[in-house]
Amino acid sequence: MMVARRFVFVLSLLLARQASAYLGSFEEVDGFLPGGSLPTRDVSSYNAGQYGTSNGGSGGSFQDITANTGLFYKNDLGRIDSGYGELVAQHGLAHTGESSLALRATIGFGDTDEDGANYLYSFDARDFDGMAPSLVTEGIVTIDYWMRSQTPFFSNARVTTTEFVNSAGDAVFAIGTRGQGLFTSQPFLEWYDGAGWHTTSIVANNADWDHVMLTFDLTNDLVSFSYYASLTATTHTVAAGALAGAAMDQLSGIRFTAQPNTEMNNYDDFNVVAPLVVPEPSSLLLALLSVMQLLIWRRRFK
């Protein structure tokens, strides 16, 4: 009986899901430092997303870290200003809760060299409901989130991108915003797939939240994309089964970029749904046999 109980216990350990990070909603329970009305700390400079209790997290507390050693990696296209960052958890502006992720590349908010912003967030087990993203290599993964985008006046170029990348860091799909020009900071929506960039006539709302809904078919390297535009209260099916821009061996993270002098862009309420990965039968059987052999050996030894 004791051996059987130990067998069940070890089996549960083999199948357990370990949580360690969370993109989520950028609240304090998600592991993001709360700020005042103006954000005060760049996410690449502390353990952002790694110490909250949300989605199975084990708690913990805020800690300063060496820049780029956490879940957020800041490319050298920008710099971390002593007062303000370019990618921060902003308190006081959110789709739900009290905070959102704010991307800025203006002189007043960190981009003192006027060279833009480029950050990579690496998915971890908490984002995939306890599964290591590297194990999810087939099936359907859905990702949805809310965004509130602005572009500078007179801009008629692409100013921000949100890129979903594979294990090599290549973009399998991306969403962009392009300025309309003249006196407007409401951008056109763009998207990227295996055929390149596509500009739509959909206008993103700079005063309210739009909903991005994505489906990644990892098995067939296909992506579907729907977008709720709050300006017109319309859900658009933008792409259905578009060929990915690169092989989808897995989804490993999201790259956020902004051109110099880009106005504030906010993201909130990321949600990832991935297929449950069960260990391959032969590998699982081998592991269980090894465990049983160890337990029997220990019992005989005693």
Protein backbone atom coordinates (compact mmCIF):
# COMPACT_ATOMS: atom_id res chain seq x y z
CA MET A 1 0.00 0.00 0.00
CA MET A 2 2.83 2.38 0.92
CA VAL A 3 4.55 1.76 -2.45
CA ALA A 4 1.30 2.46 -4.29
CA ARG A 5 0.82 5.73 -2.44
CA ARG A 6 4.35 6.79 -3.25
CA PHE A 7 3.79 5.81 -6.86
CA VAL A 8 0.71 8.05 -7.06
CA PHE A 9 2.58 10.89 -5.35
CA VAL A 10 5.52 10.71 -7.77
CA LEU A 11 3.12 10.48 -10.72
CA SER A 12 1.43 13.68 -9.55
CA LEU A 13 4.84 15.36 -9.42
CA LEU A 14 5.62 14.26 -12.96
CA LEU A 15 2.37 15.74 -14.23
CA ALA A 16 2.38 18.83 -12.03
CA ARG A 17 2.34 22.31 -13.55
CA GLN A 18 4.82 24.72 -12.05
CA ALA A 19 4.05 28.43 -12.19
CA SER A 20 6.73 31.10 -12.36
CA ALA A 21 5.63 34.20 -14.31
CA TYR A 22 2.53 35.98 -15.61
CA LEU A 23 1.81 38.66 -18.21
CA GLY A 24 -1.86 38.97 -17.19
CA SER A 25 -3.39 42.31 -16.31
CA PHE A 26 -0.33 44.15 -14.90
CA GLU A 27 -1.78 44.53 -11.42
CA GLU A 28 0.20 44.08 -8.24
CA VAL A 29 -1.25 40.57 -7.83
CA ASP A 30 0.19 39.77 -11.28
CA GLY A 31 3.66 40.79 -10.13
CA PHE A 32 3.93 44.35 -11.45
CA LEU A 33 5.02 47.31 -9.37
CA PRO A 34 2.14 49.75 -8.90
CA GLY A 35 2.88 53.38 -9.70
CA GLY A 36 1.18 56.74 -9.39
CA SER A 37 -0.55 58.66 -12.15
CA LEU A 38 2.80 58.70 -13.96
CA PRO A 39 4.72 55.41 -14.26
CA THR A 40 8.06 55.31 -12.51
CA ARG A 41 9.88 52.04 -13.25
CA ASP A 42 10.86 50.19 -16.41
CA VAL A 43 9.73 46.52 -16.44
CA SER A 44 13.19 45.34 -17.51
CA SER A 45 14.75 46.66 -14.29
CA TYR A 46 12.78 44.64 -11.70
CA ASN A 47 11.20 41.19 -11.38
CA ALA A 48 8.07 42.22 -13.27
CA GLY A 49 5.48 39.44 -13.55
CA GLN A 50 7.44 37.05 -11.33
CA TYR A 51 6.28 37.70 -7.79
CA GLY A 52 2.49 38.05 -7.89
CA THR A 53 -0.13 35.61 -6.64
CA SER A 54 -2.35 35.69 -9.73
CA ASN A 55 -2.82 32.55 -11.88
CA GLY A 56 -1.17 30.20 -9.43
CA GLY A 57 1.75 32.38 -8.44
CA SER A 58 3.44 31.73 -5.15
CA GLY A 59 3.62 35.34 -4.00
CA GLY A 60 6.92 36.98 -3.21
CA SER A 61 7.87 40.63 -3.34
CA PHE A 62 9.31 43.34 -5.55
CA GLN A 63 13.04 43.15 -6.25
CA ASP A 64 15.37 45.27 -8.35
CA ILE A 65 17.34 43.12 -10.79
CA THR A 66 20.14 43.62 -13.26
CA ALA A 67 18.45 45.02 -16.35
CA ASN A 68 17.42 42.39 -18.93
CA THR A 69 17.77 39.41 -16.58
CA GLY A 70 14.02 39.01 -16.00
CA LEU A 71 11.08 38.21 -18.27
CA PHE A 72 11.36 41.53 -20.13
CA TYR A 73 14.40 42.19 -22.31
CA LYS A 74 15.05 45.72 -23.52
CA ASN A 75 16.81 46.01 -26.86
CA ASP A 76 19.59 48.57 -27.15
CA LEU A 77 17.40 50.77 -29.36
CA GLY A 78 16.32 52.65 -26.25
CA ARG A 79 17.66 53.54 -22.82
CA ILE A 80 16.33 53.28 -19.30
CA ASP A 81 15.92 56.78 -17.96
CA SER A 82 16.48 57.35 -14.25
CA GLY A 83 13.01 58.84 -13.84
CA TYR A 84 10.76 57.20 -16.40
CA GLY A 85 10.82 54.05 -18.49
CA GLU A 86 9.52 53.23 -21.92
CA LEU A 87 7.62 50.06 -21.02
CA VAL A 88 5.97 50.29 -17.61
CA ALA A 89 2.99 49.15 -15.61
CA GLN A 90 0.94 52.32 -15.57
CA HIS A 91 -1.37 52.90 -12.64
CA GLY A 92 -4.61 54.78 -13.33
CA LEU A 93 -5.33 53.66 -16.91
CA ALA A 94 -6.70 50.16 -17.46
CA HIS A 95 -9.27 48.10 -19.30
CA THR A 96 -10.01 46.31 -16.03
CA GLY A 97 -8.45 46.83 -12.63
CA GLU A 98 -6.13 49.76 -12.01
CA SER A 99 -3.08 49.25 -14.25
CA SER A 100 -2.05 48.45 -17.81
CA LEU A 101 1.19 48.04 -19.73
CA ALA A 102 2.23 51.37 -21.26
CA LEU A 103 4.64 51.62 -24.20
CA ARG A 104 6.15 55.05 -24.82
CA ALA A 105 8.99 56.41 -26.90
CA THR A 106 8.82 60.14 -26.25
CA ILE A 107 11.56 62.38 -24.90
CA GLY A 108 9.58 63.02 -21.73
CA PHE A 109 9.16 59.33 -20.98
CA GLY A 110 12.54 57.68 -21.31
CA ASP A 111 13.48 58.00 -24.98
CA THR A 112 15.97 60.81 -24.44
CA ASP A 113 18.09 59.59 -27.34
CA GLU A 114 15.05 59.58 -29.65
CA ASP A 115 15.74 56.09 -30.97
CA GLY A 116 12.51 54.30 -30.15
CA ALA A 117 11.68 51.34 -27.95
CA ASN A 118 12.07 47.60 -28.47
CA TYR A 119 11.19 45.04 -25.77
CA LEU A 120 10.81 41.28 -25.76
CA TYR A 121 8.64 39.51 -23.21
CA SER A 122 9.28 35.77 -22.84
CA PHE A 123 6.29 33.57 -22.07
CA ASP A 124 6.59 31.39 -19.01
CA ALA A 125 4.61 28.58 -17.41
CA ARG A 126 2.12 30.87 -15.69
CA ASP A 127 1.16 32.43 -19.02
CA PHE A 128 0.36 28.94 -20.34
CA ASP A 129 -1.62 27.91 -17.25
CA GLY A 130 1.28 25.97 -15.78
CA MET A 131 2.73 24.37 -18.91
CA ALA A 132 6.18 25.23 -20.19
CA PRO A 133 5.68 27.04 -23.54
CA SER A 134 8.46 24.94 -25.08
CA LEU A 135 6.26 21.83 -24.65
CA VAL A 136 3.38 23.34 -26.64
CA THR A 137 4.45 22.63 -30.21
CA GLU A 138 1.20 21.43 -31.80
CA GLY A 139 -2.50 22.18 -31.67
CA ILE A 140 -4.37 25.46 -31.22
CA VAL A 141 -3.24 28.33 -29.01
CA THR A 142 -5.51 31.35 -28.58
CA ILE A 143 -4.32 34.72 -27.32
CA ASP A 144 -6.52 37.74 -26.73
CA TYR A 145 -5.85 41.11 -25.16
CA TRP A 146 -7.08 44.71 -25.13
CA MET A 147 -5.20 47.68 -26.58
CA ARG A 148 -5.53 51.47 -26.65
CA SER A 149 -3.29 53.04 -29.30
CA GLN A 150 -2.18 56.55 -30.20
CA THR A 151 0.07 57.95 -32.91
CA PRO A 152 1.71 61.38 -33.18
CA PHE A 153 0.04 64.11 -35.20
CA PHE A 154 1.04 64.17 -38.89
CA SER A 155 2.51 60.67 -38.80
CA ASN A 156 1.59 58.49 -41.78
CA ALA A 157 4.02 55.64 -41.11
CA ARG A 158 3.95 52.50 -38.97
CA VAL A 159 4.66 53.56 -35.41
CA THR A 160 4.16 50.48 -33.21
CA THR A 161 4.25 46.71 -33.62
CA THR A 162 3.21 43.82 -31.41
CA GLU A 163 5.02 40.75 -32.71
CA PHE A 164 4.40 37.16 -31.65
CA VAL A 165 7.63 35.23 -32.01
CA ASN A 166 8.80 31.61 -32.23
CA SER A 167 11.75 30.00 -30.42
CA ALA A 168 14.21 31.67 -32.82
CA GLY A 169 12.72 35.10 -32.17
CA ASP A 170 11.18 35.32 -35.65
CA ALA A 171 7.78 36.97 -36.00
CA VAL A 172 5.06 34.45 -36.86
CA PHE A 173 2.42 37.18 -36.78
CA ALA A 174 2.32 40.87 -35.91
CA ILE A 175 -0.11 43.73 -35.40
CA GLY A 176 0.90 47.28 -36.20
CA THR A 177 -0.49 50.80 -36.01
CA ARG A 178 -0.01 53.36 -38.78
CA GLY A 179 -0.68 57.06 -38.45
CA GLN A 180 -3.42 58.63 -40.57
CA GLY A 181 -1.54 61.90 -40.91
CA LEU A 182 -2.81 65.42 -40.24
CA PHE A 183 -4.31 66.27 -36.83
CA THR A 184 -5.29 62.84 -35.59
CA SER A 185 -3.72 60.41 -33.16
CA GLN A 186 -6.06 57.53 -34.03
CA PRO A 187 -4.08 55.05 -36.16
CA PHE A 188 -5.01 52.58 -38.87
CA LEU A 189 -4.65 48.93 -37.96
CA GLU A 190 -2.05 46.80 -39.79
CA TRP A 191 -1.10 43.14 -39.63
CA TYR A 192 1.77 40.94 -40.76
CA ASP A 193 1.83 37.34 -42.00
CA GLY A 194 3.80 35.22 -44.48
CA ALA A 195 2.90 37.61 -47.30
CA GLY A 196 4.17 40.74 -45.52
CA TRP A 197 2.42 43.77 -44.05
CA HIS A 198 -1.24 44.60 -44.77
CA THR A 199 -2.87 47.96 -43.96
CA THR A 200 -6.59 47.97 -43.16
CA SER A 201 -9.18 50.74 -43.03
CA ILE A 202 -9.94 49.84 -39.39
CA VAL A 203 -9.22 52.76 -37.06
CA ALA A 204 -7.92 52.03 -33.56
CA ASN A 205 -9.44 54.05 -30.75
CA ASN A 206 -7.10 56.33 -28.81
CA ALA A 207 -9.74 57.02 -26.15
CA ASP A 208 -11.13 53.54 -25.48
CA TRP A 209 -10.15 49.88 -25.58
CA ASP A 210 -10.17 47.62 -28.64
CA HIS A 211 -10.07 43.81 -28.41
CA VAL A 212 -7.50 41.69 -30.26
CA MET A 213 -8.36 38.00 -30.74
CA LEU A 214 -5.79 35.60 -32.24
CA THR A 215 -5.78 31.87 -33.01
CA PHE A 216 -2.47 30.13 -33.72
CA ASP A 217 -2.59 26.72 -35.41
CA LEU A 218 0.87 25.46 -34.48
CA THR A 219 0.42 22.21 -36.39
CA ASN A 220 -0.26 23.87 -39.75
CA ASP A 221 1.47 27.26 -39.27
CA LEU A 222 -1.78 29.22 -39.72
CA VAL A 223 -3.09 32.28 -37.89
CA SER A 224 -6.58 33.78 -37.62
CA PHE A 225 -7.17 37.33 -36.41
CA SER A 226 -10.33 39.15 -35.29
CA TYR A 227 -10.53 42.70 -33.99
CA TYR A 228 -13.23 44.53 -32.05
CA ALA A 229 -13.10 48.24 -32.96
CA SER A 230 -14.71 50.23 -30.16
CA LEU A 231 -15.07 53.34 -32.34
CA THR A 232 -17.73 51.58 -34.42
CA ALA A 233 -18.64 48.77 -31.98
CA THR A 234 -17.82 46.31 -34.77
CA THR A 235 -15.96 42.99 -34.67
CA HIS A 236 -13.91 42.45 -37.83
CA THR A 237 -12.65 39.09 -39.06
CA VAL A 238 -9.37 40.43 -40.40
CA ALA A 239 -7.64 37.18 -41.34
CA ALA A 240 -8.79 33.57 -41.41
CA GLY A 241 -6.12 30.90 -41.77
CA ALA A 242 -3.33 33.25 -42.85
CA LEU A 243 0.08 31.64 -43.40
CA ALA A 244 2.41 32.44 -40.52
CA GLY A 245 5.43 34.62 -41.17
CA ALA A 246 7.75 31.92 -39.79
CA ALA A 247 7.57 28.31 -38.64
CA MET A 248 5.52 28.00 -35.45
CA ASP A 249 7.52 25.41 -33.57
CA GLN A 250 6.21 27.18 -30.47
CA LEU A 251 5.13 30.60 -29.27
CA SER A 252 7.91 31.88 -27.06
CA GLY A 253 7.06 35.54 -26.51
CA ILE A 254 5.89 38.97 -27.62
CA ARG A 255 8.02 41.81 -28.93
CA PHE A 256 6.73 45.36 -28.38
CA THR A 257 8.25 48.11 -30.53
CA ALA A 258 7.64 51.83 -30.95
CA GLN A 259 9.20 54.40 -33.25
CA PRO A 260 10.69 57.62 -31.80
CA ASN A 261 8.23 60.22 -30.52
CA THR A 262 5.41 57.68 -30.41
CA GLU A 263 2.49 58.61 -28.20
CA MET A 264 1.39 56.36 -25.34
CA ASN A 265 0.13 52.90 -26.27
CA ASN A 266 -1.47 50.66 -23.65
CA TYR A 267 -2.11 46.92 -23.42
CA ASP A 268 -4.17 45.04 -20.86
CA ASP A 269 -5.80 41.73 -19.91
CA PHE A 270 -3.68 39.23 -21.85
CA ASN A 271 -5.19 35.76 -21.87
CA VAL A 272 -3.56 32.62 -23.30
CA VAL A 273 -5.37 29.31 -23.80
CA ALA A 274 -3.15 26.40 -24.83
CA PRO A 275 -3.81 22.67 -25.30
CA LEU A 276 -2.92 20.42 -22.36
CA VAL A 277 0.33 18.65 -23.10
CA VAL A 278 0.43 15.04 -21.88
CA PRO A 279 3.86 13.36 -21.81
CA GLU A 280 4.48 11.05 -24.77
CA PRO A 281 3.42 7.52 -23.66
CA SER A 282 6.77 5.80 -24.05
CA SER A 283 8.60 8.56 -22.18
CA LEU A 284 6.03 8.58 -19.41
CA LEU A 285 6.15 4.78 -19.08
CA LEU A 286 9.94 4.81 -18.89
CA ALA A 287 9.84 7.45 -16.16
CA LEU A 288 7.21 5.54 -14.17
CA LEU A 289 9.14 2.27 -14.44
CA SER A 290 12.24 4.02 -13.15
CA VAL A 291 10.30 5.43 -10.22
CA MET A 292 8.77 2.03 -9.40
CA GLN A 293 12.18 0.39 -9.52
CA LEU A 294 13.54 3.01 -7.13
CA LEU A 295 10.65 2.54 -4.68
CA ILE A 296 10.97 -1.26 -4.73
CA TRP A 297 14.74 -0.98 -4.17
CA ARG A 298 14.22 1.34 -1.21
CA ARG A 299 11.64 -1.00 0.32
CA ARG A 300 14.00 -3.99 0.01
CA PHE A 301 16.85 -1.99 1.44
CA LYS A 302 14.81 -1.09 4.50
